[in-house]
Protein backbone atom coordinates (compact mmCIF):
# COMPACT_ATOMS: atom_id res chain seq x y z
CA MET A 1 0.00 0.00 0.00
CA ILE A 2 1.42 3.34 -1.05
CA ARG A 3 1.35 6.13 1.53
CA HIS A 4 1.31 9.70 0.34
CA LEU A 5 3.34 12.27 2.29
CA SER A 6 1.35 15.22 3.45
CA PRO A 7 2.39 18.73 2.33
CA ILE A 8 3.75 19.51 5.78
CA ASN A 9 6.03 16.45 5.61
CA TRP A 10 7.42 17.60 2.26
CA SER A 11 8.17 20.99 3.77
CA VAL A 12 10.08 19.41 6.62
CA ILE A 13 12.11 17.26 4.25
CA ILE A 14 12.97 20.22 2.01
CA PHE A 15 14.01 22.27 5.05
CA VAL A 16 16.25 19.49 6.39
CA VAL A 17 17.93 18.89 3.03
CA ALA A 18 18.52 22.61 2.57
CA PHE A 19 19.90 22.94 6.10
CA PHE A 20 22.42 20.15 5.69
CA SER A 21 23.37 21.23 2.18
CA TYR A 22 24.21 24.69 3.50
CA GLY A 23 25.53 23.95 6.96
CA CYS A 24 27.47 20.72 6.43
CA GLY A 25 29.06 21.36 3.09
CA LYS A 26 28.83 24.72 1.44
CA VAL A 27 29.42 24.55 -2.28
CA THR A 28 32.74 26.24 -2.96
CA THR A 29 34.22 27.15 -6.30
CA GLN A 30 37.24 25.06 -7.17
CA PRO A 31 40.35 27.08 -8.04
CA ASP A 32 41.74 26.91 -11.55
CA PHE A 33 44.30 24.22 -10.74
CA VAL A 34 46.81 22.11 -12.64
CA ALA A 35 47.18 19.47 -9.92
CA ARG A 36 45.40 18.45 -6.72
CA VAL A 37 46.15 16.25 -3.73
CA ASN A 38 42.94 15.88 -1.72
CA ASN A 39 42.04 19.45 -0.69
CA SER A 40 45.39 20.98 -1.59
CA TYR A 41 45.65 22.63 -5.01
CA LEU A 42 48.50 23.71 -7.25
CA THR A 43 46.94 26.57 -9.21
CA LYS A 44 48.06 27.98 -12.53
CA ASP A 45 49.20 31.10 -10.70
CA ASP A 46 51.25 28.99 -8.26
CA LEU A 47 52.91 27.17 -11.17
CA ALA A 48 53.65 30.45 -12.95
CA LYS A 49 55.50 31.65 -9.84
CA MET A 50 57.61 28.46 -9.82
CA ILE A 51 58.57 28.41 -13.51
CA ASP A 52 58.24 30.53 -16.63
CA THR A 53 55.20 28.73 -18.06
CA SER A 54 55.34 30.79 -21.28
CA ASN A 55 58.71 29.36 -22.30
CA ILE A 56 59.12 25.86 -20.92
CA SER A 57 58.90 22.36 -22.34
CA ASN A 58 56.03 20.05 -21.41
CA PHE A 59 58.53 17.55 -20.06
CA TYR A 60 60.00 20.05 -17.56
CA ARG A 61 56.53 21.39 -16.67
CA ASN A 62 55.31 17.88 -15.90
CA GLU A 63 58.41 17.20 -13.78
CA VAL A 64 57.72 20.32 -11.70
CA ILE A 65 54.11 19.26 -11.18
CA ARG A 66 55.15 15.71 -10.29
CA ASN A 67 57.65 17.08 -7.77
CA TRP A 68 54.93 19.21 -6.17
CA ILE A 69 52.63 16.19 -5.90
CA ASN A 70 55.41 14.09 -4.32
CA LYS A 71 56.06 16.74 -1.68
CA GLU A 72 52.37 17.27 -1.01
CA VAL A 73 51.49 13.60 -0.51
CA LEU A 74 54.47 13.22 1.84
CA TYR A 75 53.46 16.34 3.78
CA GLN A 76 49.86 15.20 4.13
CA GLU A 77 51.03 11.77 5.31
CA ALA A 78 53.31 13.52 7.83
CA LEU A 79 50.26 15.35 9.14
CA LYS A 80 48.43 12.05 9.59
CA LYS A 81 51.41 10.59 11.44
CA ARG A 82 51.50 13.67 13.72
CA ILE A 83 55.06 14.54 12.70
CA LEU A 84 54.29 18.20 13.35
CA LYS A 85 53.75 17.34 17.02
CA ASP A 86 57.10 15.55 17.31
CA SER A 87 59.62 17.21 19.65
CA GLU A 88 62.54 16.68 17.26
CA PHE A 89 60.55 18.27 14.43
CA ASN A 90 59.81 21.31 16.57
CA ARG A 91 63.46 21.58 17.62
CA LEU A 92 64.46 21.65 13.95
CA ILE A 93 61.75 24.22 13.22
CA ASP A 94 63.05 26.42 16.04
CA ASN A 95 66.62 26.19 14.69
CA SER A 96 65.37 26.96 11.19
CA LYS A 97 63.52 30.04 12.48
CA ARG A 98 66.71 31.31 14.11
CA GLU A 99 68.75 30.75 10.95
CA LEU A 100 66.09 32.34 8.74
CA ALA A 101 65.80 35.37 11.04
CA ALA A 102 69.59 35.80 11.07
CA SER A 103 69.70 35.43 7.28
CA MET A 104 67.01 38.08 6.78
CA LEU A 105 68.80 40.39 9.21
CA LEU A 106 72.02 40.08 7.21
CA GLN A 107 70.18 40.59 3.94
CA LYS A 108 68.72 43.82 5.26
CA TYR A 109 72.12 44.83 6.64
CA TYR A 110 73.81 44.31 3.27
CA GLU A 111 71.05 46.27 1.52
CA ASP A 112 71.43 49.15 3.96
CA GLU A 113 75.20 49.14 3.57
CA LYS A 114 74.87 49.28 -0.23
CA ILE A 115 77.94 47.42 -1.43
CA SER A 116 79.53 49.52 -4.16
CA TYR A 117 82.76 49.39 -6.13
CA GLU A 118 84.47 50.76 -9.21
CA PRO A 119 84.61 48.62 -12.41
CA GLU A 120 88.39 48.43 -12.33
CA GLU A 121 88.25 46.85 -8.87
CA LEU A 122 86.80 43.69 -10.42
CA GLU A 123 89.68 43.26 -12.87
CA GLU A 124 92.20 43.98 -10.10
CA TYR A 125 90.52 41.29 -7.98
CA TYR A 126 90.67 38.87 -10.92
CA ASN A 127 94.38 39.53 -11.46
CA ARG A 128 95.16 38.99 -7.76
CA HIS A 129 93.08 35.80 -7.46
CA GLN A 130 93.40 34.12 -10.86
CA GLY A 131 94.01 30.75 -9.24
CA GLU A 132 90.47 30.83 -7.84
CA PHE A 133 89.03 30.88 -11.35
CA LYS A 134 90.68 27.75 -12.69
CA ARG A 135 88.34 25.33 -14.41
CA PHE A 136 87.79 22.22 -12.28
CA TYR A 137 86.82 20.18 -15.36
CA ASP A 138 86.97 20.56 -19.12
CA SER A 139 84.61 23.36 -20.14
CA TYR A 140 82.97 24.60 -23.31
CA LEU A 141 81.99 28.08 -24.42
CA LEU A 142 78.85 27.47 -26.47
CA ASN A 143 76.16 29.12 -28.52
CA ARG A 144 72.91 27.18 -28.37
CA ALA A 145 69.48 27.42 -29.99
CA VAL A 146 66.45 25.23 -29.27
CA PHE A 147 63.53 24.91 -31.67
CA ASN A 148 60.26 23.00 -31.55
CA ASP A 149 60.17 22.77 -35.34
CA GLU A 150 62.75 20.65 -37.17
CA ASP A 151 62.55 22.49 -40.51
CA ASN A 152 63.25 25.85 -38.87
CA ALA A 153 66.11 24.31 -36.89
CA VAL A 154 67.66 23.08 -40.15
CA ARG A 155 67.20 26.51 -41.77
CA PHE A 156 68.79 28.19 -38.75
CA ARG A 157 71.81 25.88 -38.91
CA THR A 158 72.25 26.55 -42.63
CA MET A 159 72.09 30.29 -42.04
CA VAL A 160 74.74 30.08 -39.29
CA GLN A 161 77.06 28.22 -41.64
CA GLU A 162 76.50 30.75 -44.43
CA SER A 163 76.89 33.83 -42.21
CA ASN A 164 77.35 33.65 -38.42
CA TRP A 165 75.45 32.84 -35.24
CA LEU A 166 74.35 36.36 -34.32
CA LYS A 167 73.03 37.15 -37.80
CA ALA A 168 71.02 33.92 -37.86
CA LEU A 169 69.72 34.62 -34.38
CA ASN A 170 68.63 38.10 -35.41
CA VAL A 171 66.61 36.65 -38.32
CA PHE A 172 64.85 34.10 -36.08
CA LYS A 173 64.53 36.20 -32.91
CA ASN A 174 60.76 36.65 -33.31
CA ASP A 175 60.09 33.15 -34.65
CA PRO A 176 57.71 31.31 -32.25
CA SER A 177 59.47 28.00 -32.98
CA LEU A 178 62.66 29.33 -31.34
CA ILE A 179 62.01 28.44 -27.71
CA ASN A 180 65.41 29.04 -26.10
CA THR A 181 68.80 30.57 -26.92
CA ASP A 182 72.16 31.04 -25.22
CA VAL A 183 75.11 33.04 -26.52
CA ASN A 184 78.64 32.51 -25.17
CA GLN A 185 77.50 30.26 -22.36
CA LEU A 186 80.40 28.72 -20.43
CA LEU A 187 79.56 25.23 -19.14
CA TYR A 188 81.46 22.43 -17.45
CA ASP A 189 81.17 19.20 -19.40
CA TYR A 190 78.93 17.66 -16.71
CA GLU A 191 76.50 20.57 -17.09
CA ILE A 192 75.83 19.68 -20.72
CA HIS A 193 72.92 17.28 -21.03
CA PRO A 194 71.41 15.04 -22.23
CA ALA A 195 74.39 12.73 -22.76
CA PRO A 196 74.07 12.60 -26.59
CA LEU A 197 74.46 16.38 -26.68
CA LEU A 198 77.70 16.21 -24.65
CA ARG A 199 79.11 13.55 -26.99
CA ILE A 200 78.45 15.78 -29.98
CA VAL A 201 79.84 18.91 -28.28
CA SER A 202 83.04 17.13 -27.23
CA GLY A 203 83.67 16.17 -30.86
CA LEU A 204 83.34 19.70 -32.24
CA ASN A 205 86.17 22.06 -33.12
CA PRO A 206 86.12 25.78 -32.20
CA GLY A 207 83.67 27.57 -34.51
CA GLU A 208 82.07 24.32 -35.69
CA VAL A 209 78.28 23.95 -35.71
CA SER A 210 76.60 20.72 -34.68
CA ILE A 211 74.01 18.79 -36.61
CA VAL A 212 70.38 19.31 -35.57
CA ILE A 213 69.96 17.18 -32.47
CA ASN A 214 66.49 15.79 -31.78
CA ILE A 215 65.63 15.46 -28.06
CA GLU A 216 62.74 13.01 -28.19
CA THR A 217 61.64 13.46 -24.56
CA ASP A 218 60.22 16.92 -25.25
CA GLN A 219 60.28 16.98 -29.08
CA SER A 220 62.85 19.77 -29.31
CA TYR A 221 65.65 20.33 -31.82
CA ILE A 222 68.97 21.73 -30.65
CA ILE A 223 71.84 23.32 -32.55
CA VAL A 224 75.08 24.17 -30.73
CA GLN A 225 78.24 25.92 -31.81
CA GLU A 226 81.48 25.45 -29.92
CA VAL A 227 83.12 28.85 -29.56
CA GLN A 228 86.06 27.69 -27.46
CA LYS A 229 87.13 24.80 -25.24
CA PHE A 230 88.90 25.27 -21.90
CA LEU A 231 90.78 22.30 -20.50
CA LYS A 232 90.83 21.44 -16.81
CA ASP A 233 93.00 23.90 -14.77
CA SER A 234 92.94 26.55 -17.50
CA ILE A 235 91.88 30.11 -16.59
CA PRO A 236 89.37 31.83 -18.88
CA PRO A 237 89.96 35.51 -19.70
CA PHE A 238 88.43 38.15 -17.42
CA LEU A 239 85.74 39.43 -19.80
CA LEU A 240 84.43 35.92 -20.36
CA ILE A 241 83.97 35.13 -16.68
CA LYS A 242 83.28 38.66 -15.43
CA PRO A 243 79.94 37.62 -13.82
CA PHE A 244 81.75 34.89 -11.83
CA VAL A 245 84.46 37.35 -10.77
CA GLU A 246 81.83 39.88 -9.71
CA LYS A 247 79.96 37.26 -7.67
CA ARG A 248 83.15 36.17 -5.88
CA PHE A 249 84.17 39.80 -5.33
CA ILE A 250 80.80 40.69 -3.76
CA GLU A 251 80.94 37.60 -1.55
CA GLN A 252 84.33 38.77 -0.27
CA LYS A 253 82.92 42.25 0.38
CA LYS A 254 80.03 40.72 2.33
CA GLU A 255 82.40 38.56 4.34
CA ASP A 256 84.38 41.66 5.33
CA LEU A 257 81.18 43.47 6.29
CA LEU A 258 80.02 40.48 8.34
CA LYS A 259 83.26 40.40 10.32
CA SER A 260 82.89 44.10 11.08
CA TYR A 261 79.21 43.70 12.03
CA LEU A 262 79.89 40.75 14.32
CA LYS A 263 82.68 42.66 16.02
CA GLU A 264 80.21 45.46 16.71
CA LEU A 265 77.58 43.01 18.05
CA TYR A 266 80.14 41.24 20.26
CA SER A 267 80.99 44.53 21.92
CA SER A 268 77.34 45.39 22.63
CA ASN A 269 76.26 42.02 24.07
CA GLU A 270 77.22 39.98 27.13
CA ILE A 271 78.96 36.89 25.83
CA GLU A 272 80.38 34.16 28.05
CA ILE A 273 82.05 30.87 27.15
CA ARG A 274 82.63 28.23 29.83
CA ASN A 275 84.81 25.15 29.66
């Protein structure tokens, strides 16, 4: 026998359903995400802050996303295992806070001090410390171009051979198939990858242009030109490694400032060491 619900019963049911729909699980708009682990999202904006999404291969993009997922699933499992309540974890967090605070203090100190120097100071530093700029391994000074279109890669290589690298680069600079370029990039041999690319580079002579190399993992086509090779223990000229010299020079300046700053702090604090 079929029983019909009275109107008042329908009203009660509708009210209850509406109450629980609103109170126990409000409908929220999902963010525009590229990956998700439970209720944690990696949004397109988050990814754009991590990498240049306008000029990156799908292979590298997917690796970044996979790395985020790995970290997130491990973090969420750590939450379940109450790692965040562990005393050792909190000791490490406290130490990290101290180190981060000290690091930010020094960063602000260096900014306030405004490290400055004359251009000739860099070359003087290079001349006094040339031994610090020896190559630890064989190195190559390279020009490199990466295309996502094989025909354009072949045309670029032909143009380089008929004229020179910079002229060819100027012709293709606005071509959307040219996805990456480097000019006069100095690399240790172990920094050149994948392995087939290193094998080709090591067989080139100065000025020689490689064949078009197909990297199947991300469907890209690479052309390299060896400008010069530097053997282990050789010292590249100043102008070629000026950015490295400048970095080392600034680090030395910061080290001198730190010694002076610590001396000042020592004198204004009570410090005691006991055996």
